[in-house]
């Protein structure tokens, strides 16, 4: 039996404004902790002196502006982008387990990175471009395969994504078989585990245009995204050209994901668990839920990256931490929640 106090607490956490305040406050706290943590110590006093233009040790200033700040910003944007894209994928595919892996973005980017490592020495430019192009080609192939089928429903699109992912994984295994085990194979495996260790100011600026364009289009398409959670017939009756709008949404979300993973490598679970937490908080599937999902993803990924840099002497790949966060949470969902809980 719930008391009046319990009901007031539930209403407090369901209030959208208060949810934003709580998550933004938590995000600021985690951001401050993350930006001051690492092998090279930078105190809050040092940060304030740098930001206000006061005299400061040149090495500290260089590390903060070129490495630490871009890394934390990239972590925040990656959490927001992957979670927002995951929430969009789950909505338009009507599948609570939909992630970038499902339609081939992640596996295509992984193949692109593997090709760059084997054939182009794995330098930064070739690795980033190949991963970005690989992710897009994989999605385009899935879309083309869906168009060739008689049934162009979302079920067939998901099947097409699984087919493309399987093919790319086969090619990756073939490349691994012929790769140099001391250098190329290790680089391929490390890239697939994800890391923010090599993020610099230049790399952050290189991904921003693609990221922002993708986010902008998703914002402009926020109403059709909601309508696509209905059946195709209902969406069409409301004046939505379902096929083309769905492809535009997939393209925009893929642009966001590809811009991130082309620099960071594969990041597990964030795009899956943040939307679930968001829907549990809002009990809806609207624009507010998408934004909350992005904020939760940003907080989670910044927290995971801070732990990756501080738990051990050598930095841990980010997907190790996100997997240890995500897998137990999904187990909790599977055990505790009822079918209509969110």
Protein backbone atom coordinates (compact mmCIF):
# COMPACT_ATOMS: atom_id res chain seq x y z
CA UNK A 1 0.00 0.00 0.00
CA UNK A 2 1.50 3.33 -1.06
CA UNK A 3 1.50 6.31 1.27
CA UNK A 4 0.97 9.96 0.40
CA UNK A 5 4.72 10.53 0.80
CA UNK A 6 5.49 7.74 -1.72
CA UNK A 7 3.04 9.24 -4.22
CA UNK A 8 4.67 12.68 -3.82
CA UNK A 9 8.13 11.18 -4.43
CA UNK A 10 6.89 9.44 -7.60
CA UNK A 11 5.35 12.67 -8.86
CA UNK A 12 8.61 14.50 -8.10
CA UNK A 13 10.70 12.14 -10.23
CA UNK A 14 8.09 12.08 -13.03
CA UNK A 15 8.08 15.87 -13.36
CA UNK A 16 9.96 16.65 -16.64
CA UNK A 17 11.53 19.89 -15.37
CA UNK A 18 12.80 18.20 -12.22
CA UNK A 19 14.15 15.29 -14.27
CA UNK A 20 16.13 17.74 -16.40
CA UNK A 21 17.43 19.57 -13.31
CA UNK A 22 18.53 16.33 -11.63
CA UNK A 23 20.23 14.90 -14.72
CA UNK A 24 21.94 18.16 -15.74
CA UNK A 25 23.20 18.67 -12.17
CA UNK A 26 24.47 15.09 -12.07
CA UNK A 27 26.07 15.59 -15.50
CA UNK A 28 27.89 18.75 -14.35
CA UNK A 29 29.22 16.94 -11.25
CA UNK A 30 30.43 13.94 -13.28
CA UNK A 31 31.93 16.30 -15.91
CA UNK A 32 33.94 18.15 -13.25
CA UNK A 33 35.15 14.88 -11.69
CA UNK A 34 36.06 13.48 -15.10
CA UNK A 35 37.91 16.56 -16.32
CA UNK A 36 40.08 16.69 -13.20
CA UNK A 37 40.86 12.94 -13.12
CA UNK A 38 43.63 11.13 -14.94
CA UNK A 39 47.31 10.23 -14.92
CA UNK A 40 48.28 13.88 -15.33
CA UNK A 41 46.83 15.72 -12.31
CA UNK A 42 44.88 18.90 -13.10
CA UNK A 43 43.16 20.54 -10.14
CA UNK A 44 40.01 22.66 -10.30
CA UNK A 45 42.16 25.69 -9.43
CA UNK A 46 44.37 24.95 -12.45
CA UNK A 47 41.30 24.66 -14.67
CA UNK A 48 39.88 27.98 -13.46
CA UNK A 49 43.23 29.69 -14.05
CA UNK A 50 43.39 28.30 -17.60
CA UNK A 51 39.80 29.27 -18.43
CA UNK A 52 40.22 32.80 -17.05
CA UNK A 53 43.50 33.36 -18.93
CA UNK A 54 45.70 33.64 -15.84
CA UNK A 55 49.40 32.60 -15.95
CA UNK A 56 49.68 28.81 -15.91
CA UNK A 57 52.27 26.12 -16.53
CA UNK A 58 52.42 25.63 -20.32
CA UNK A 59 52.39 21.81 -20.11
CA UNK A 60 49.28 21.79 -17.90
CA UNK A 61 47.56 24.23 -20.24
CA UNK A 62 48.49 22.11 -23.29
CA UNK A 63 47.27 18.85 -21.71
CA UNK A 64 44.00 20.42 -20.59
CA UNK A 65 43.09 22.24 -23.82
CA UNK A 66 44.35 19.70 -26.36
CA UNK A 67 43.72 16.38 -24.59
CA UNK A 68 41.68 16.37 -21.36
CA UNK A 69 38.91 18.82 -22.30
CA UNK A 70 38.39 17.41 -25.84
CA UNK A 71 38.32 13.89 -24.42
CA UNK A 72 35.65 14.63 -21.82
CA UNK A 73 33.58 16.61 -24.34
CA UNK A 74 33.88 13.72 -26.81
CA UNK A 75 32.78 11.29 -24.09
CA UNK A 76 29.76 13.45 -23.28
CA UNK A 77 28.77 13.86 -26.95
CA UNK A 78 29.27 10.14 -27.59
CA UNK A 79 27.00 9.20 -24.71
CA UNK A 80 24.34 11.65 -25.88
CA UNK A 81 24.60 10.62 -29.55
CA UNK A 82 24.65 6.84 -29.07
CA UNK A 83 21.78 6.95 -26.57
CA UNK A 84 19.67 9.26 -28.71
CA UNK A 85 20.29 7.12 -31.80
CA UNK A 86 19.50 3.97 -29.84
CA UNK A 87 16.23 5.48 -28.63
CA UNK A 88 15.31 6.47 -32.19
CA UNK A 89 16.18 3.01 -33.58
CA UNK A 90 14.10 1.32 -30.88
CA UNK A 91 11.15 3.59 -31.67
CA UNK A 92 11.05 3.34 -35.46
CA UNK A 93 11.86 -0.40 -35.49
CA UNK A 94 9.36 -1.03 -32.67
CA UNK A 95 12.05 -3.20 -31.11
CA UNK A 96 13.29 -2.58 -27.52
CA UNK A 97 16.61 -4.30 -28.35
CA UNK A 98 17.41 -2.23 -31.46
CA UNK A 99 20.95 -0.80 -31.45
CA UNK A 100 23.48 0.35 -34.09
CA UNK A 101 24.62 -3.28 -34.23
CA UNK A 102 21.19 -4.38 -35.42
CA UNK A 103 21.27 -2.55 -38.76
CA UNK A 104 24.98 -2.98 -39.45
CA UNK A 105 26.42 0.44 -38.54
CA UNK A 106 28.79 -0.91 -35.90
CA UNK A 107 29.91 -3.97 -37.86
CA UNK A 108 30.42 -1.88 -41.02
CA UNK A 109 32.55 0.61 -39.12
CA UNK A 110 34.50 -2.29 -37.61
CA UNK A 111 35.19 -3.69 -41.09
CA UNK A 112 36.23 -0.26 -42.35
CA UNK A 113 38.69 0.10 -39.47
CA UNK A 114 40.06 -3.41 -40.10
CA UNK A 115 40.66 -2.60 -43.79
CA UNK A 116 42.50 0.59 -42.82
CA UNK A 117 44.71 -1.30 -40.35
CA UNK A 118 45.58 -4.06 -42.84
CA UNK A 119 45.99 -2.07 -46.07
CA UNK A 120 46.67 1.53 -45.02
CA UNK A 121 48.93 1.05 -41.96
CA UNK A 122 46.13 2.15 -39.63
CA UNK A 123 47.07 5.83 -39.48
CA UNK A 124 44.56 8.15 -37.86
CA UNK A 125 43.11 9.66 -41.05
CA UNK A 126 42.65 6.37 -42.90
CA UNK A 127 41.24 4.64 -39.82
CA UNK A 128 38.65 7.36 -39.17
CA UNK A 129 37.56 7.71 -42.80
CA UNK A 130 37.39 3.96 -43.41
CA UNK A 131 35.33 3.34 -40.27
CA UNK A 132 32.96 6.18 -41.13
CA UNK A 133 32.52 5.04 -44.74
CA UNK A 134 32.21 1.39 -43.67
CA UNK A 135 29.35 2.17 -41.31
CA UNK A 136 27.45 4.04 -44.00
CA UNK A 137 28.02 1.46 -46.73
CA UNK A 138 26.72 -1.29 -44.41
CA UNK A 139 23.49 0.64 -43.76
CA UNK A 140 23.05 1.45 -47.46
CA UNK A 141 23.49 -2.24 -48.29
CA UNK A 142 20.85 -3.17 -45.71
CA UNK A 143 18.48 -0.58 -47.19
CA UNK A 144 19.15 -1.85 -50.73
CA UNK A 145 18.57 -5.45 -49.69
CA UNK A 146 15.26 -4.44 -48.12
CA UNK A 147 14.20 -2.68 -51.34
CA UNK A 148 14.93 -5.84 -53.35
CA UNK A 149 12.69 -7.95 -51.13
CA UNK A 150 8.95 -8.20 -51.71
CA UNK A 151 8.21 -7.37 -48.10
CA UNK A 152 9.66 -3.95 -47.20
CA UNK A 153 8.54 -4.05 -43.58
CA UNK A 154 10.78 -3.29 -40.60
CA UNK A 155 11.11 -7.01 -39.92
CA UNK A 156 12.82 -7.47 -43.27
CA UNK A 157 15.00 -4.41 -42.71
CA UNK A 158 16.21 -5.87 -39.41
CA UNK A 159 16.85 -9.20 -41.14
CA UNK A 160 18.80 -7.33 -43.84
CA UNK A 161 20.88 -5.66 -41.11
CA UNK A 162 21.64 -9.04 -39.56
CA UNK A 163 22.65 -10.41 -42.98
CA UNK A 164 25.02 -7.48 -43.63
CA UNK A 165 26.44 -7.71 -40.09
CA UNK A 166 27.11 -11.43 -40.57
CA UNK A 167 28.87 -10.80 -43.89
CA UNK A 168 31.04 -8.06 -42.46
CA UNK A 169 31.96 -10.24 -39.49
CA UNK A 170 32.99 -12.97 -41.92
CA UNK A 171 35.24 -10.57 -43.82
CA UNK A 172 36.71 -9.29 -40.54
CA UNK A 173 37.54 -12.85 -39.46
CA UNK A 174 39.23 -13.43 -42.83
CA UNK A 175 41.31 -10.26 -42.40
CA UNK A 176 42.24 -11.32 -38.88
CA UNK A 177 43.40 -14.69 -40.20
CA UNK A 178 45.90 -13.02 -42.55
CA UNK A 179 46.82 -10.15 -40.20
CA UNK A 180 50.18 -9.77 -38.52
CA UNK A 181 49.47 -11.15 -35.01
CA UNK A 182 51.92 -8.82 -33.27
CA UNK A 183 50.73 -5.51 -34.68
CA UNK A 184 47.71 -5.59 -37.00
CA UNK A 185 45.67 -8.18 -35.11
CA UNK A 186 46.25 -6.43 -31.79
CA UNK A 187 45.24 -3.07 -33.31
CA UNK A 188 42.03 -4.56 -34.74
CA UNK A 189 41.07 -6.12 -31.42
CA UNK A 190 41.84 -2.95 -29.45
CA UNK A 191 39.82 -0.77 -31.85
CA UNK A 192 36.83 -3.10 -31.49
CA UNK A 193 36.89 -2.60 -27.68
CA UNK A 194 36.63 1.20 -27.95
CA UNK A 195 38.70 3.91 -26.33
CA UNK A 196 38.82 7.68 -25.87
CA UNK A 197 42.57 7.65 -25.23
CA UNK A 198 43.53 9.18 -28.59
CA UNK A 199 40.92 11.94 -28.75
CA UNK A 200 42.43 15.36 -29.43
CA UNK A 201 41.06 18.80 -30.14
CA UNK A 202 41.53 18.30 -33.90
CA UNK A 203 39.68 14.96 -33.88
CA UNK A 204 36.82 16.42 -31.86
CA UNK A 205 36.38 19.27 -34.35
CA UNK A 206 36.57 16.83 -37.29
CA UNK A 207 33.52 14.86 -36.09
CA UNK A 208 31.42 17.80 -34.89
CA UNK A 209 29.92 18.83 -38.28
CA UNK A 210 28.64 15.29 -39.03
CA UNK A 211 27.42 14.83 -35.46
CA UNK A 212 25.59 18.16 -35.37
CA UNK A 213 23.99 17.65 -38.80
CA UNK A 214 22.67 14.25 -37.71
CA UNK A 215 21.34 15.64 -34.42
CA UNK A 216 19.72 18.60 -36.20
CA UNK A 217 17.85 16.34 -38.64
CA UNK A 218 16.70 14.06 -35.82
CA UNK A 219 15.35 17.14 -34.02
CA UNK A 220 13.53 18.31 -37.16
CA UNK A 221 12.09 14.81 -37.62
CA UNK A 222 11.06 14.40 -33.97
CA UNK A 223 7.31 14.39 -34.79
CA UNK A 224 7.55 11.75 -37.58
CA UNK A 225 9.75 9.64 -35.26
CA UNK A 226 6.91 9.55 -32.74
CA UNK A 227 4.37 8.70 -35.43
CA UNK A 228 6.50 5.81 -36.69
CA UNK A 229 6.07 4.13 -33.31
CA UNK A 230 2.51 3.49 -34.56
CA UNK A 231 1.68 1.07 -37.33
CA UNK A 232 2.64 2.06 -40.89
CA UNK A 233 -1.04 2.34 -41.83
CA UNK A 234 -1.75 4.76 -38.97
CA UNK A 235 1.30 6.88 -39.82
CA UNK A 236 0.29 7.04 -43.50
CA UNK A 237 -3.23 8.07 -42.55
CA UNK A 238 -1.69 11.04 -40.71
CA UNK A 239 0.09 12.16 -43.87
CA UNK A 240 3.56 10.66 -43.27
CA UNK A 241 5.36 9.17 -46.33
CA UNK A 242 6.50 6.26 -44.19
CA UNK A 243 9.26 4.71 -46.32
CA UNK A 244 11.14 7.90 -47.18
CA UNK A 245 10.76 9.44 -43.74
CA UNK A 246 11.99 6.23 -42.13
CA UNK A 247 15.05 6.21 -44.40
CA UNK A 248 15.75 9.88 -43.58
CA UNK A 249 15.61 9.08 -39.87
CA UNK A 250 17.86 6.03 -40.28
CA UNK A 251 20.33 8.12 -42.31
CA UNK A 252 20.41 10.87 -39.65
CA UNK A 253 20.85 8.45 -36.73
CA UNK A 254 23.53 6.56 -38.67
CA UNK A 255 25.37 9.83 -39.34
CA UNK A 256 25.48 10.47 -35.58
CA UNK A 257 26.66 6.94 -34.75
CA UNK A 258 29.24 6.75 -37.55
CA UNK A 259 30.76 10.12 -36.60
CA UNK A 260 31.31 8.79 -33.07
CA UNK A 261 32.51 5.21 -33.60
CA UNK A 262 34.85 6.23 -36.42
CA UNK A 263 36.94 7.98 -33.74
CA UNK A 264 36.29 5.93 -30.61
CA UNK A 265 35.86 2.37 -31.86
CA UNK A 266 32.91 0.26 -30.81
CA UNK A 267 31.15 1.18 -27.55
CA UNK A 268 28.88 -1.50 -26.14
CA UNK A 269 25.50 -1.19 -24.39
CA UNK A 270 25.18 2.61 -23.98
CA UNK A 271 22.78 2.91 -26.92
CA UNK A 272 20.72 0.06 -25.46
CA UNK A 273 20.41 0.71 -21.72
CA UNK A 274 20.06 4.53 -21.65
CA UNK A 275 16.78 4.48 -23.67
CA UNK A 276 15.40 1.78 -21.37
CA UNK A 277 16.20 3.83 -18.25
CA UNK A 278 14.68 6.90 -19.89
CA UNK A 279 11.40 5.14 -20.69
CA UNK A 280 11.24 3.79 -17.14
CA UNK A 281 11.50 7.38 -15.85
CA UNK A 282 9.08 9.02 -18.27
CA UNK A 283 6.69 6.11 -18.97
CA UNK A 284 6.39 7.59 -22.47
CA UNK A 285 8.08 7.44 -25.87
CA UNK A 286 8.21 11.09 -26.92
CA UNK A 287 10.74 13.88 -27.55
CA UNK A 288 11.18 14.38 -23.82
CA UNK A 289 12.10 10.70 -23.49
CA UNK A 290 14.70 11.00 -26.28
CA UNK A 291 16.34 14.00 -24.57
CA UNK A 292 16.37 12.26 -21.18
CA UNK A 293 17.91 9.23 -22.87
CA UNK A 294 20.73 11.39 -24.25
CA UNK A 295 21.42 12.98 -20.86
CA UNK A 296 21.51 9.57 -19.15
CA UNK A 297 23.87 8.23 -21.82
CA UNK A 298 26.20 11.19 -21.39
CA UNK A 299 26.38 10.71 -17.61
CA UNK A 300 26.89 6.94 -17.93
CA UNK A 301 29.66 7.19 -20.54
CA UNK A 302 31.52 9.98 -18.72
CA UNK A 303 31.39 7.88 -15.54
CA UNK A 304 32.63 4.78 -17.39
CA UNK A 305 35.49 6.71 -19.03
CA UNK A 306 36.56 8.20 -15.70
CA UNK A 307 36.73 4.70 -14.22
CA UNK A 308 38.60 3.42 -17.29
CA UNK A 309 41.31 6.04 -16.70
CA UNK A 310 41.62 5.65 -12.95
CA UNK A 311 40.93 2.04 -11.93
CA UNK A 312 44.23 0.56 -13.12
CA UNK A 313 47.71 1.76 -14.02
CA UNK A 314 47.08 1.14 -17.73
CA UNK A 315 43.85 2.50 -19.21
CA UNK A 316 41.01 0.02 -19.78
CA UNK A 317 39.09 -0.10 -23.09
CA UNK A 318 35.75 1.66 -22.62
CA UNK A 319 33.56 -1.27 -23.71
CA UNK A 320 34.83 -3.36 -20.80
CA UNK A 321 33.32 -0.86 -18.37
CA UNK A 322 30.09 -0.29 -20.32
CA UNK A 323 29.57 -4.05 -20.60
CA UNK A 324 29.96 -4.49 -16.83
CA UNK A 325 27.40 -1.71 -16.38
CA UNK A 326 25.01 -2.80 -19.12
CA UNK A 327 24.85 -6.59 -18.78
CA UNK A 328 23.79 -6.65 -15.08
CA UNK A 329 21.24 -3.93 -15.75
CA UNK A 330 19.67 -5.90 -18.60
CA UNK A 331 19.60 -8.97 -16.36
CA UNK A 332 17.77 -6.88 -13.76
CA UNK A 333 15.24 -5.74 -16.39
CA UNK A 334 14.68 -9.30 -17.54
CA UNK A 335 14.06 -10.58 -14.01
CA UNK A 336 12.14 -7.75 -12.35
CA UNK A 337 10.02 -5.94 -14.90
CA UNK A 338 6.61 -6.94 -16.20
CA UNK A 339 5.79 -6.73 -19.92
CA UNK A 340 3.88 -3.45 -19.60
CA UNK A 341 6.15 -1.73 -17.08
CA UNK A 342 7.47 0.69 -19.72
